[in-house]
Amino acid sequence: MDRRIRQLLASLNVPWKYPEHAGRLGAILNLLELEPIPGLRFKSGKPAIREQLGRVHTSSYLDHIYELRGKNAWLDVDTTAVSAGSVDAAEVAAGTTIAAVEAVMQGRSKSAFALVRPPGHHAEPVRARGFCLFNNVAVAAAHARAELGCERVLIVDWDAHHANGTQDIFWADPDVMLFDIHRASPFYPGTGNLEDVGVGLGEGTTVNVPMPAGAGDRAYLRAFEDILIPAADWFQPDLILVSAGFDPHPFDLALNVSYEGFAAMTSMLQVLAKKHCDGRLVFVLEGGYHLLSLSRGVRTVLEVLAGAAAPEPGFIGVAEAKAAADFHRRAFVADDPDAQ
């Protein structure tokens, strides 16, 4: 039944509701136009070529995806569909992520944010999953090592969903560390257990931090302080890549990370990048499907990257609450009839 329904949907020459769509980038760009950030510069990317994609995906898989160019189809019973322009968009997403890494590695920018879609961190070497065709951050990490002189790359993934594809690609690789904080199984995709740490020479370079539903700023920052910072100090990366999903925001109904939490994590990553890799820090857009929290979350991160101080999470509104308490305090004090 499921397969038949998807076949019927694919045969219709009409749009259907799909969470991952071009409006995600449109919402971000609209907000940045309404509220520009001083010092922010925009550069265009370009499509990734087969050689670049082939560092992390198999030839048979790439052949299969290229055959779908210009078509409408479902790739699995999961969540992944393609329309006529999806393969082209996925090539540009991976290529733009590479361009962002090159800009930072070549000293043309202190940091960069690849505003791309479709996302990539669920894409496995031989399989598309979770809206993802090519694993953008993995393609960029492999390019940095093959072409840009990076020996060790740290990937930090704070998307609400576990980066099953990124984990699979670098599972036995000692030169790429994946730190992934996410909502725990059985939340999609159901991977990323605490005990999953890599194998062989790569044992210890996969670091999973599964979180319960409702976890927020304090839990995320505690994990950064107690796990990520010591791990980075041990690993000594040449480049830090961030798979930045904004679905941990409560508007996406998965976790409870605030805009201030995203800002604080960005600030901590800036400190790590300055300490270990001359400030080389590249963000790559992953998930986030509520257009308000997505666009506001991206802008918050960009503002910190551009030099703004990160507000301390949990303290927004505290001063106002204190002022209101001072205002109302006398209203709830009983008059003492014996007072003179």
C-alpha atoms as a PDB file:
ATOM      1  CA  MET A   1       0.000   0.000   0.000  1.00  0.00           C
ATOM      2  CA  ASP A   2       2.760   2.435   0.938  1.00  0.00           C
ATOM      3  CA  ARG A   3       4.654   1.701  -2.276  1.00  0.00           C
ATOM      4  CA  ARG A   4       1.524   2.142  -4.402  1.00  0.00           C
ATOM      5  CA  ILE A   5       0.632   5.472  -2.783  1.00  0.00           C
ATOM      6  CA  ARG A   6       4.129   6.783  -3.449  1.00  0.00           C
ATOM      7  CA  GLN A   7       3.948   5.627  -7.067  1.00  0.00           C
ATOM      8  CA  LEU A   8       0.686   7.505  -7.500  1.00  0.00           C
ATOM      9  CA  LEU A   9       2.120  10.666  -5.929  1.00  0.00           C
ATOM     10  CA  ALA A  10       5.201  10.472  -8.145  1.00  0.00           C
ATOM     11  CA  SER A  11       3.041  10.198 -11.278  1.00  0.00           C
ATOM     12  CA  LEU A  12       1.058  13.368 -10.521  1.00  0.00           C
ATOM     13  CA  ASN A  13       2.229  16.486 -12.295  1.00  0.00           C
ATOM     14  CA  VAL A  14       1.248  18.651  -9.324  1.00  0.00           C
ATOM     15  CA  PRO A  15       3.142  19.701  -6.205  1.00  0.00           C
ATOM     16  CA  TRP A  16       2.464  18.035  -2.887  1.00  0.00           C
ATOM     17  CA  LYS A  17       3.378  19.183   0.591  1.00  0.00           C
ATOM     18  CA  TYR A  18       6.986  18.282   1.435  1.00  0.00           C
ATOM     19  CA  PRO A  19       8.953  19.588   4.423  1.00  0.00           C
ATOM     20  CA  GLU A  20      12.245  20.155   2.553  1.00  0.00           C
ATOM     21  CA  HIS A  21      11.594  22.792  -0.111  1.00  0.00           C
ATOM     22  CA  ALA A  22      13.145  25.875  -1.707  1.00  0.00           C
ATOM     23  CA  GLY A  23      11.163  28.164   0.578  1.00  0.00           C
ATOM     24  CA  ARG A  24      13.564  27.295   3.392  1.00  0.00           C
ATOM     25  CA  LEU A  25      16.368  29.262   1.744  1.00  0.00           C
ATOM     26  CA  GLY A  26      13.938  31.959   0.651  1.00  0.00           C
ATOM     27  CA  ALA A  27      12.859  32.552   4.250  1.00  0.00           C
ATOM     28  CA  ILE A  28      16.485  32.894   5.393  1.00  0.00           C
ATOM     29  CA  LEU A  29      17.396  35.323   2.612  1.00  0.00           C
ATOM     30  CA  ASN A  30      14.249  37.387   3.211  1.00  0.00           C
ATOM     31  CA  LEU A  31      15.117  37.845   6.884  1.00  0.00           C
ATOM     32  CA  LEU A  32      18.718  38.774   6.075  1.00  0.00           C
ATOM     33  CA  GLU A  33      17.418  41.372   3.631  1.00  0.00           C
ATOM     34  CA  LEU A  34      15.049  42.811   6.240  1.00  0.00           C
ATOM     35  CA  GLU A  35      17.671  42.695   9.002  1.00  0.00           C
ATOM     36  CA  PRO A  36      21.103  42.898   7.350  1.00  0.00           C
ATOM     37  CA  ILE A  37      24.238  41.961   9.281  1.00  0.00           C
ATOM     38  CA  PRO A  38      27.216  44.327   8.938  1.00  0.00           C
ATOM     39  CA  GLY A  39      30.237  42.588   7.480  1.00  0.00           C
ATOM     40  CA  LEU A  40      28.264  39.716   5.939  1.00  0.00           C
ATOM     41  CA  ARG A  41      29.227  38.957   2.323  1.00  0.00           C
ATOM     42  CA  PHE A  42      27.487  36.642  -0.129  1.00  0.00           C
ATOM     43  CA  LYS A  43      29.297  34.484  -2.688  1.00  0.00           C
ATOM     44  CA  SER A  44      27.858  31.958  -5.126  1.00  0.00           C
ATOM     45  CA  GLY A  45      28.912  28.342  -5.184  1.00  0.00           C
ATOM     46  CA  LYS A  46      29.115  25.905  -8.079  1.00  0.00           C
ATOM     47  CA  PRO A  47      28.097  22.285  -8.695  1.00  0.00           C
ATOM     48  CA  ALA A  48      30.259  19.525  -7.281  1.00  0.00           C
ATOM     49  CA  ILE A  49      31.808  17.259  -9.878  1.00  0.00           C
ATOM     50  CA  ARG A  50      31.683  13.474  -9.867  1.00  0.00           C
ATOM     51  CA  GLU A  51      35.257  13.134  -8.612  1.00  0.00           C
ATOM     52  CA  GLN A  52      34.449  15.217  -5.530  1.00  0.00           C
ATOM     53  CA  LEU A  53      31.239  13.303  -4.798  1.00  0.00           C
ATOM     54  CA  GLY A  54      32.959  10.002  -5.451  1.00  0.00           C
ATOM     55  CA  ARG A  55      35.256  10.445  -2.471  1.00  0.00           C
ATOM     56  CA  VAL A  56      32.329   9.585  -0.176  1.00  0.00           C
ATOM     57  CA  HIS A  57      29.717   7.936  -2.443  1.00  0.00           C
ATOM     58  CA  THR A  58      30.060   4.798  -4.555  1.00  0.00           C
ATOM     59  CA  SER A  59      30.075   4.876  -8.370  1.00  0.00           C
ATOM     60  CA  SER A  60      26.946   2.734  -8.561  1.00  0.00           C
ATOM     61  CA  TYR A  61      25.094   5.112  -6.267  1.00  0.00           C
ATOM     62  CA  LEU A  62      26.154   8.169  -8.275  1.00  0.00           C
ATOM     63  CA  ASP A  63      25.054   6.430 -11.501  1.00  0.00           C
ATOM     64  CA  HIS A  64      21.641   5.784  -9.932  1.00  0.00           C
ATOM     65  CA  ILE A  65      21.218   9.407  -8.811  1.00  0.00           C
ATOM     66  CA  TYR A  66      22.364  10.830 -12.149  1.00  0.00           C
ATOM     67  CA  GLU A  67      19.767   8.664 -13.915  1.00  0.00           C
ATOM     68  CA  LEU A  68      17.076  10.517 -11.956  1.00  0.00           C
ATOM     69  CA  ARG A  69      18.088  13.972 -13.235  1.00  0.00           C
ATOM     70  CA  GLY A  70      15.005  15.770 -14.528  1.00  0.00           C
ATOM     71  CA  LYS A  71      12.596  13.170 -13.113  1.00  0.00           C
ATOM     72  CA  ASN A  72      10.053  12.908 -10.314  1.00  0.00           C
ATOM     73  CA  ALA A  73      10.500   9.853  -8.102  1.00  0.00           C
ATOM     74  CA  TRP A  74      10.612   8.466  -4.574  1.00  0.00           C
ATOM     75  CA  LEU A  75      13.980   6.980  -3.681  1.00  0.00           C
ATOM     76  CA  ASP A  76      12.922   5.007  -0.606  1.00  0.00           C
ATOM     77  CA  VAL A  77      10.062   4.352   1.785  1.00  0.00           C
ATOM     78  CA  ASP A  78      11.752   6.784   4.110  1.00  0.00           C
ATOM     79  CA  THR A  79      11.364  10.481   3.282  1.00  0.00           C
ATOM     80  CA  THR A  80      13.430  11.083   0.186  1.00  0.00           C
ATOM     81  CA  ALA A  81      11.932  12.224  -3.112  1.00  0.00           C
ATOM     82  CA  VAL A  82      13.326  13.946  -6.156  1.00  0.00           C
ATOM     83  CA  SER A  83      11.694  16.388  -8.534  1.00  0.00           C
ATOM     84  CA  ALA A  84      13.003  17.589 -11.880  1.00  0.00           C
ATOM     85  CA  GLY A  85      15.610  19.905 -10.337  1.00  0.00           C
ATOM     86  CA  SER A  86      16.636  17.922  -7.253  1.00  0.00           C
ATOM     87  CA  VAL A  87      19.822  16.351  -8.597  1.00  0.00           C
ATOM     88  CA  ASP A  88      21.045  19.711  -9.909  1.00  0.00           C
ATOM     89  CA  ALA A  89      20.262  21.329  -6.550  1.00  0.00           C
ATOM     90  CA  ALA A  90      22.083  18.571  -4.670  1.00  0.00           C
ATOM     91  CA  GLU A  91      25.183  19.022  -6.844  1.00  0.00           C
ATOM     92  CA  VAL A  92      25.170  22.760  -6.145  1.00  0.00           C
ATOM     93  CA  ALA A  93      24.645  22.157  -2.408  1.00  0.00           C
ATOM     94  CA  ALA A  94      27.714  19.921  -2.215  1.00  0.00           C
ATOM     95  CA  GLY A  95      29.757  22.222  -4.441  1.00  0.00           C
ATOM     96  CA  THR A  96      28.813  25.323  -2.462  1.00  0.00           C
ATOM     97  CA  THR A  97      29.893  23.595   0.739  1.00  0.00           C
ATOM     98  CA  ILE A  98      33.248  22.886  -0.909  1.00  0.00           C
ATOM     99  CA  ALA A  99      33.471  26.546  -1.966  1.00  0.00           C
ATOM    100  CA  ALA A 100      32.836  27.671   1.621  1.00  0.00           C
ATOM    101  CA  VAL A 101      35.647  25.427   2.874  1.00  0.00           C
ATOM    102  CA  GLU A 102      38.004  26.709   0.174  1.00  0.00           C
ATOM    103  CA  ALA A 103      37.242  30.322   1.090  1.00  0.00           C
ATOM    104  CA  VAL A 104      38.221  29.681   4.695  1.00  0.00           C
ATOM    105  CA  MET A 105      41.212  27.460   3.964  1.00  0.00           C
ATOM    106  CA  GLN A 106      42.597  29.940   1.442  1.00  0.00           C
ATOM    107  CA  GLY A 107      42.236  32.857   3.848  1.00  0.00           C
ATOM    108  CA  ARG A 108      39.547  34.742   1.913  1.00  0.00           C
ATOM    109  CA  SER A 109      37.195  34.580   4.882  1.00  0.00           C
ATOM    110  CA  LYS A 110      37.605  33.967   8.609  1.00  0.00           C
ATOM    111  CA  SER A 111      34.523  31.769   8.650  1.00  0.00           C
ATOM    112  CA  ALA A 112      31.717  30.790   6.286  1.00  0.00           C
ATOM    113  CA  PHE A 113      28.161  29.468   6.270  1.00  0.00           C
ATOM    114  CA  ALA A 114      27.004  27.364   3.312  1.00  0.00           C
ATOM    115  CA  LEU A 115      23.296  28.151   2.901  1.00  0.00           C
ATOM    116  CA  VAL A 116      22.379  25.072   0.905  1.00  0.00           C
ATOM    117  CA  ARG A 117      19.623  22.582   0.273  1.00  0.00           C
ATOM    118  CA  PRO A 118      18.846  19.751   0.118  1.00  0.00           C
ATOM    119  CA  PRO A 119      20.603  18.821   3.367  1.00  0.00           C
ATOM    120  CA  GLY A 120      23.158  16.042   3.394  1.00  0.00           C
ATOM    121  CA  HIS A 121      24.001  14.389   6.694  1.00  0.00           C
ATOM    122  CA  HIS A 122      21.622  11.419   6.263  1.00  0.00           C
ATOM    123  CA  ALA A 123      23.049  10.462   2.847  1.00  0.00           C
ATOM    124  CA  GLU A 124      25.056   7.242   3.136  1.00  0.00           C
ATOM    125  CA  PRO A 125      27.755   6.026   0.731  1.00  0.00           C
ATOM    126  CA  VAL A 126      25.213   3.926  -1.197  1.00  0.00           C
ATOM    127  CA  ARG A 127      21.819   5.303  -0.159  1.00  0.00           C
ATOM    128  CA  ALA A 128      19.755   8.493  -0.063  1.00  0.00           C
ATOM    129  CA  ARG A 129      17.852   9.083   3.163  1.00  0.00           C
ATOM    130  CA  GLY A 130      16.022  11.802   5.056  1.00  0.00           C
ATOM    131  CA  PHE A 131      15.755  14.413   2.236  1.00  0.00           C
ATOM    132  CA  CYS A 132      19.497  13.954   1.543  1.00  0.00           C
ATOM    133  CA  LEU A 133      21.048  12.928  -1.789  1.00  0.00           C
ATOM    134  CA  PHE A 134      24.732  13.844  -1.348  1.00  0.00           C
ATOM    135  CA  ASN A 135      26.429  14.194   2.019  1.00  0.00           C
ATOM    136  CA  ASN A 136      27.517  17.830   1.732  1.00  0.00           C
ATOM    137  CA  VAL A 137      29.651  18.048   4.874  1.00  0.00           C
ATOM    138  CA  ALA A 138      31.350  14.710   4.180  1.00  0.00           C
ATOM    139  CA  VAL A 139      32.120  15.737   0.588  1.00  0.00           C
ATOM    140  CA  ALA A 140      33.665  18.988   1.880  1.00  0.00           C
ATOM    141  CA  ALA A 141      35.670  17.216   4.586  1.00  0.00           C
ATOM    142  CA  ALA A 142      37.060  14.745   2.061  1.00  0.00           C
ATOM    143  CA  HIS A 143      37.904  17.616  -0.308  1.00  0.00           C
ATOM    144  CA  ALA A 144      39.718  19.513   2.463  1.00  0.00           C
ATOM    145  CA  ARG A 145      41.877  16.479   3.135  1.00  0.00           C
ATOM    146  CA  ALA A 146      42.499  15.560  -0.507  1.00  0.00           C
ATOM    147  CA  GLU A 147      43.079  19.028  -1.976  1.00  0.00           C
ATOM    148  CA  LEU A 148      43.573  21.642   0.753  1.00  0.00           C
ATOM    149  CA  GLY A 149      46.198  20.144   3.037  1.00  0.00           C
ATOM    150  CA  CYS A 150      43.975  19.313   6.018  1.00  0.00           C
ATOM    151  CA  GLU A 151      45.117  16.294   8.004  1.00  0.00           C
ATOM    152  CA  ARG A 152      42.335  16.195  10.597  1.00  0.00           C
ATOM    153  CA  VAL A 153      38.771  17.492  10.298  1.00  0.00           C
ATOM    154  CA  LEU A 154      36.313  17.830  13.181  1.00  0.00           C
ATOM    155  CA  ILE A 155      32.628  17.673  12.236  1.00  0.00           C
ATOM    156  CA  VAL A 156      30.168  18.952  14.844  1.00  0.00           C
ATOM    157  CA  ASP A 157      26.534  18.045  14.130  1.00  0.00           C
ATOM    158  CA  TRP A 158      23.873  19.691  16.284  1.00  0.00           C
ATOM    159  CA  ASP A 159      20.861  18.846  14.082  1.00  0.00           C
ATOM    160  CA  ALA A 160      17.998  17.236  16.011  1.00  0.00           C
ATOM    161  CA  HIS A 161      18.446  14.080  13.926  1.00  0.00           C
ATOM    162  CA  HIS A 162      21.503  11.853  14.081  1.00  0.00           C
ATOM    163  CA  ALA A 163      23.937  12.095  11.150  1.00  0.00           C
ATOM    164  CA  ASN A 164      23.752   8.424  10.218  1.00  0.00           C
ATOM    165  CA  GLY A 165      25.318   9.057   6.799  1.00  0.00           C
ATOM    166  CA  THR A 166      28.254  11.085   8.074  1.00  0.00           C
ATOM    167  CA  GLN A 167      28.869   8.449  10.736  1.00  0.00           C
ATOM    168  CA  ASP A 168      28.846   5.632   8.176  1.00  0.00           C
ATOM    169  CA  ILE A 169      31.236   7.439   5.839  1.00  0.00           C
ATOM    170  CA  PHE A 170      33.872   8.125   8.506  1.00  0.00           C
ATOM    171  CA  TRP A 171      33.149   5.155  10.795  1.00  0.00           C
ATOM    172  CA  ALA A 172      36.672   3.715  10.548  1.00  0.00           C
ATOM    173  CA  ASP A 173      38.548   6.931   9.701  1.00  0.00           C
ATOM    174  CA  PRO A 174      40.939   8.166  12.426  1.00  0.00           C
ATOM    175  CA  ASP A 175      41.404  11.555  10.720  1.00  0.00           C
ATOM    176  CA  VAL A 176      37.787  12.734  10.815  1.00  0.00           C
ATOM    177  CA  MET A 177      36.072  13.141  14.180  1.00  0.00           C
ATOM    178  CA  LEU A 178      32.262  13.333  14.308  1.00  0.00           C
ATOM    179  CA  PHE A 179      30.711  14.865  17.424  1.00  0.00           C
ATOM    180  CA  ASP A 180      26.953  14.428  17.111  1.00  0.00           C
ATOM    181  CA  ILE A 181      24.396  15.649  19.648  1.00  0.00           C
ATOM    182  CA  HIS A 182      20.851  14.668  18.717  1.00  0.00           C
ATOM    183  CA  ARG A 183      17.511  13.393  19.969  1.00  0.00           C
ATOM    184  CA  ALA A 184      17.913   9.760  20.947  1.00  0.00           C
ATOM    185  CA  SER A 185      16.462   6.690  19.253  1.00  0.00           C
ATOM    186  CA  PRO A 186      13.721   5.823  18.361  1.00  0.00           C
ATOM    187  CA  PHE A 187      13.569   9.383  16.997  1.00  0.00           C
ATOM    188  CA  TYR A 188      14.474   9.372  13.298  1.00  0.00           C
ATOM    189  CA  PRO A 189      16.735   7.854  11.986  1.00  0.00           C
ATOM    190  CA  GLY A 190      17.072   5.637  15.075  1.00  0.00           C
ATOM    191  CA  THR A 191      20.888   5.587  15.093  1.00  0.00           C
ATOM    192  CA  GLY A 192      23.604   7.306  17.099  1.00  0.00           C
ATOM    193  CA  ASN A 193      23.719   5.313  20.306  1.00  0.00           C
ATOM    194  CA  LEU A 194      26.128   6.320  23.057  1.00  0.00           C
ATOM    195  CA  GLU A 195      28.161   3.144  22.531  1.00  0.00           C
ATOM    196  CA  ASP A 196      28.725   3.832  18.816  1.00  0.00           C
ATOM    197  CA  VAL A 197      32.320   5.102  18.810  1.00  0.00           C
ATOM    198  CA  GLY A 198      33.759   3.878  15.500  1.00  0.00           C
ATOM    199  CA  VAL A 199      35.836   0.817  14.661  1.00  0.00           C
ATOM    200  CA  GLY A 200      39.439  -0.108  13.903  1.00  0.00           C
ATOM    201  CA  LEU A 201      41.743   2.870  13.594  1.00  0.00           C
ATOM    202  CA  GLY A 202      38.660   5.095  13.819  1.00  0.00           C
ATOM    203  CA  GLU A 203      37.622   3.844  17.238  1.00  0.00           C
ATOM    204  CA  GLY A 204      37.092   6.881  19.458  1.00  0.00           C
ATOM    205  CA  THR A 205      36.620   9.422  16.660  1.00  0.00           C
ATOM    206  CA  THR A 206      32.839   9.001  16.598  1.00  0.00           C
ATOM    207  CA  VAL A 207      31.284  10.733  19.605  1.00  0.00           C
ATOM    208  CA  ASN A 208      27.512  10.411  20.000  1.00  0.00           C
ATOM    209  CA  VAL A 209      25.538  12.352  22.589  1.00  0.00           C
ATOM    210  CA  PRO A 210      21.881  11.209  22.473  1.00  0.00           C
ATOM    211  CA  MET A 211      19.417  13.542  24.201  1.00  0.00           C
ATOM    212  CA  PRO A 212      15.879  12.976  25.518  1.00  0.00           C
ATOM    213  CA  ALA A 213      12.916  14.896  24.126  1.00  0.00           C
ATOM    214  CA  GLY A 214      12.786  18.385  25.596  1.00  0.00           C
ATOM    215  CA  ALA A 215      16.537  18.756  26.180  1.00  0.00           C
ATOM    216  CA  GLY A 216      17.592  22.356  25.747  1.00  0.00           C
ATOM    217  CA  ASP A 217      20.328  24.931  26.187  1.00  0.00           C
ATOM    218  CA  ARG A 218      21.759  23.732  29.492  1.00  0.00           C
ATOM    219  CA  ALA A 219      22.083  20.130  28.301  1.00  0.00           C
ATOM    220  CA  TYR A 220      23.646  21.106  24.981  1.00  0.00           C
ATOM    221  CA  LEU A 221      26.137  23.527  26.502  1.00  0.00           C
ATOM    222  CA  ARG A 222      27.037  20.994  29.199  1.00  0.00           C
ATOM    223  CA  ALA A 223      27.798  18.443  26.455  1.00  0.00           C
ATOM    224  CA  PHE A 224      29.926  20.994  24.606  1.00  0.00           C
ATOM    225  CA  GLU A 225      31.869  21.886  27.750  1.00  0.00           C
ATOM    226  CA  ASP A 226      32.334  18.385  29.154  1.00  0.00           C
ATOM    227  CA  ILE A 227      32.683  16.324  25.952  1.00  0.00           C
ATOM    228  CA  LEU A 228      33.335  18.387  22.821  1.00  0.00           C
ATOM    229  CA  ILE A 229      36.064  20.651  24.212  1.00  0.00           C
ATOM    230  CA  PRO A 230      38.172  17.793  25.665  1.00  0.00           C
ATOM    231  CA  ALA A 231      37.620  15.753  22.493  1.00  0.00           C
ATOM    232  CA  ALA A 232      38.793  18.632  20.298  1.00  0.00           C
ATOM    233  CA  ASP A 233      41.801  19.244  22.543  1.00  0.00           C
ATOM    234  CA  TRP A 234      42.755  15.585  22.078  1.00  0.00           C
ATOM    235  CA  PHE A 235      42.016  15.447  18.336  1.00  0.00           C
ATOM    236  CA  GLN A 236      43.716  18.750  17.339  1.00  0.00           C
ATOM    237  CA  PRO A 237      41.718  19.501  14.152  1.00  0.00           C
ATOM    238  CA  ASP A 238      42.965  21.569  11.207  1.00  0.00           C
ATOM    239  CA  LEU A 239      39.385  22.548  10.295  1.00  0.00           C
ATOM    240  CA  ILE A 240      36.012  22.529  12.052  1.00  0.00           C
ATOM    241  CA  LEU A 241      32.860  21.862  10.027  1.00  0.00           C
ATOM    242  CA  VAL A 242      29.423  22.283  11.593  1.00  0.00           C
ATOM    243  CA  SER A 243      26.333  20.443  10.367  1.00  0.00           C
ATOM    244  CA  ALA A 244      23.959  23.122  11.599  1.00  0.00           C
ATOM    245  CA  GLY A 245      20.351  22.027  11.753  1.00  0.00           C
ATOM    246  CA  PHE A 246      17.841  24.326  13.406  1.00  0.00           C
ATOM    247  CA  ASP A 247      15.236  21.685  14.211  1.00  0.00           C
ATOM    248  CA  PRO A 248      16.448  21.480  17.852  1.00  0.00           C
ATOM    249  CA  HIS A 249      14.442  24.724  18.291  1.00  0.00           C
ATOM    250  CA  PRO A 250      11.094  24.093  20.019  1.00  0.00           C
ATOM    251  CA  PHE A 251       9.128  25.285  16.967  1.00  0.00           C
ATOM    252  CA  ASP A 252      10.149  22.036  15.236  1.00  0.00           C
ATOM    253  CA  LEU A 253       8.778  20.016  18.174  1.00  0.00           C
ATOM    254  CA  ALA A 254      11.861  17.859  18.715  1.00  0.00           C
ATOM    255  CA  LEU A 255      14.045  19.562  21.338  1.00  0.00           C
ATOM    256  CA  ASN A 256      14.217  22.845  23.226  1.00  0.00           C
ATOM    257  CA  VAL A 257      17.312  24.786  22.098  1.00  0.00           C
ATOM    258  CA  SER A 258      16.775  28.557  21.959  1.00  0.00           C
ATOM    259  CA  TYR A 259      18.257  31.121  19.584  1.00  0.00           C
ATOM    260  CA  GLU A 260      20.545  32.121  22.440  1.00  0.00           C
ATOM    261  CA  GLY A 261      21.604  28.480  22.727  1.00  0.00           C
ATOM    262  CA  PHE A 262      22.580  28.406  19.049  1.00  0.00           C
ATOM    263  CA  ALA A 263      24.519  31.635  19.566  1.00  0.00           C
ATOM    264  CA  ALA A 264      26.348  30.265  22.602  1.00  0.00           C
ATOM    265  CA  MET A 265      27.320  27.062  20.776  1.00  0.00           C
ATOM    266  CA  THR A 266      28.593  29.148  17.850  1.00  0.00           C
ATOM    267  CA  SER A 267      30.704  31.246  20.197  1.00  0.00           C
ATOM    268  CA  MET A 268      32.182  28.131  21.806  1.00  0.00           C
ATOM    269  CA  LEU A 269      33.040  26.733  18.372  1.00  0.00           C
ATOM    270  CA  GLN A 270      34.752  30.002  17.455  1.00  0.00           C
ATOM    271  CA  VAL A 271      36.934  29.660  20.551  1.00  0.00           C
ATOM    272  CA  LEU A 272      37.780  26.053  19.654  1.00  0.00           C
ATOM    273  CA  ALA A 273      38.597  27.018  16.062  1.00  0.00           C
ATOM    274  CA  LYS A 274      40.884  29.836  17.173  1.00  0.00           C
ATOM    275  CA  LYS A 275      42.606  27.526  19.638  1.00  0.00           C
ATOM    276  CA  HIS A 276      43.243  24.632  17.255  1.00  0.00           C
ATOM    277  CA  CYS A 277      43.000  25.677  13.603  1.00  0.00           C
ATOM    278  CA  ASP A 278      43.642  29.392  13.191  1.00  0.00           C
ATOM    279  CA  GLY A 279      39.920  30.147  13.363  1.00  0.00           C
ATOM    280  CA  ARG A 280      38.945  27.971  10.380  1.00  0.00           C
ATOM    281  CA  LEU A 281      35.240  27.332  10.917  1.00  0.00           C
ATOM    282  CA  VAL A 282      32.583  26.460   8.322  1.00  0.00           C
ATOM    283  CA  PHE A 283      28.859  25.977   8.953  1.00  0.00           C
ATOM    284  CA  VAL A 284      26.672  23.927   6.610  1.00  0.00           C
ATOM    285  CA  LEU A 285      22.875  24.107   6.723  1.00  0.00           C
ATOM    286  CA  GLU A 286      21.142  20.830   7.504  1.00  0.00           C
ATOM    287  CA  GLY A 287      17.580  20.584   8.839  1.00  0.00           C
ATOM    288  CA  GLY A 288      15.073  23.040  10.267  1.00  0.00           C
ATOM    289  CA  TYR A 289      11.599  23.118   8.779  1.00  0.00           C
ATOM    290  CA  HIS A 290       9.670  25.770  10.682  1.00  0.00           C
ATOM    291  CA  LEU A 291      10.500  28.783   8.549  1.00  0.00           C
ATOM    292  CA  LEU A 292      10.520  31.300  11.402  1.00  0.00           C
ATOM    293  CA  SER A 293      12.853  29.394  13.718  1.00  0.00           C
ATOM    294  CA  LEU A 294      15.010  28.317  10.762  1.00  0.00           C
ATOM    295  CA  SER A 295      15.562  31.833   9.436  1.00  0.00           C
ATOM    296  CA  ARG A 296      15.961  33.406  12.883  1.00  0.00           C
ATOM    297  CA  GLY A 297      18.331  30.640  13.984  1.00  0.00           C
ATOM    298  CA  VAL A 298      20.558  31.058  10.923  1.00  0.00           C
ATOM    299  CA  ARG A 299      20.645  34.814  11.383  1.00  0.00           C
ATOM    300  CA  THR A 300      21.603  34.381  15.036  1.00  0.00           C
ATOM    301  CA  VAL A 301      24.569  32.201  14.090  1.00  0.00           C
ATOM    302  CA  LEU A 302      25.656  34.558  11.299  1.00  0.00           C
ATOM    303  CA  GLU A 303      25.523  37.509  13.665  1.00  0.00           C
ATOM    304  CA  VAL A 304      27.920  35.782  16.078  1.00  0.00           C
ATOM    305  CA  LEU A 305      30.220  34.765  13.217  1.00  0.00           C
ATOM    306  CA  ALA A 306      30.252  38.417  12.121  1.00  0.00           C
ATOM    307  CA  GLY A 307      31.503  39.518  15.534  1.00  0.00           C
ATOM    308  CA  ALA A 308      28.472  40.017  17.794  1.00  0.00           C
ATOM    309  CA  ALA A 309      28.698  38.803  21.373  1.00  0.00           C
ATOM    310  CA  ALA A 310      26.587  35.754  22.150  1.00  0.00           C
ATOM    311  CA  PRO A 311      23.908  36.380  24.787  1.00  0.00           C
ATOM    312  CA  GLU A 312      23.949  34.007  27.733  1.00  0.00           C
ATOM    313  CA  PRO A 313      21.162  31.424  27.398  1.00  0.00           C
ATOM    314  CA  GLY A 314      18.580  31.308  30.124  1.00  0.00           C
ATOM    315  CA  PHE A 315      18.926  34.961  31.085  1.00  0.00           C
ATOM    316  CA  ILE A 316      16.693  36.529  28.447  1.00  0.00           C
ATOM    317  CA  GLY A 317      13.887  38.320  30.288  1.00  0.00           C
ATOM    318  CA  VAL A 318      15.420  37.979  33.759  1.00  0.00           C
ATOM    319  CA  ALA A 319      15.950  41.731  34.122  1.00  0.00           C
ATOM    320  CA  GLU A 320      12.372  42.385  32.988  1.00  0.00           C
ATOM    321  CA  ALA A 321      11.020  39.826  35.445  1.00  0.00           C
ATOM    322  CA  LYS A 322      12.937  41.498  38.273  1.00  0.00           C
ATOM    323  CA  ALA A 323      11.600  44.924  37.292  1.00  0.00           C
ATOM    324  CA  ALA A 324       8.054  43.551  37.175  1.00  0.00           C
ATOM    325  CA  ALA A 325       8.513  41.933  40.605  1.00  0.00           C
ATOM    326  CA  ASP A 326       9.684  45.241  42.039  1.00  0.00           C
ATOM    327  CA  PHE A 327       6.663  46.964  40.493  1.00  0.00           C
ATOM    328  CA  HIS A 328       4.109  44.481  41.852  1.00  0.00           C
ATOM    329  CA  ARG A 329       5.700  43.664  45.189  1.00  0.00           C
ATOM    330  CA  ARG A 330       3.663  46.153  47.300  1.00  0.00           C
ATOM    331  CA  ALA A 331       0.400  44.821  45.877  1.00  0.00           C
ATOM    332  CA  PHE A 332       0.826  41.507  47.678  1.00  0.00           C
ATOM    333  CA  VAL A 333       1.941  42.787  51.098  1.00  0.00           C
ATOM    334  CA  ALA A 334      -0.856  42.752  53.657  1.00  0.00           C
ATOM    335  CA  ASP A 335      -1.307  46.001  55.571  1.00  0.00           C
ATOM    336  CA  ASP A 336      -0.359  45.658  59.261  1.00  0.00           C
ATOM    337  CA  PRO A 337      -3.173  47.215  61.314  1.00  0.00           C
ATOM    338  CA  ASP A 338      -0.804  47.726  64.249  1.00  0.00           C
ATOM    339  CA  ALA A 339       1.784  49.551  62.148  1.00  0.00           C
ATOM    340  CA  GLN A 340       2.189  53.234  63.021  1.00  0.00           C
END
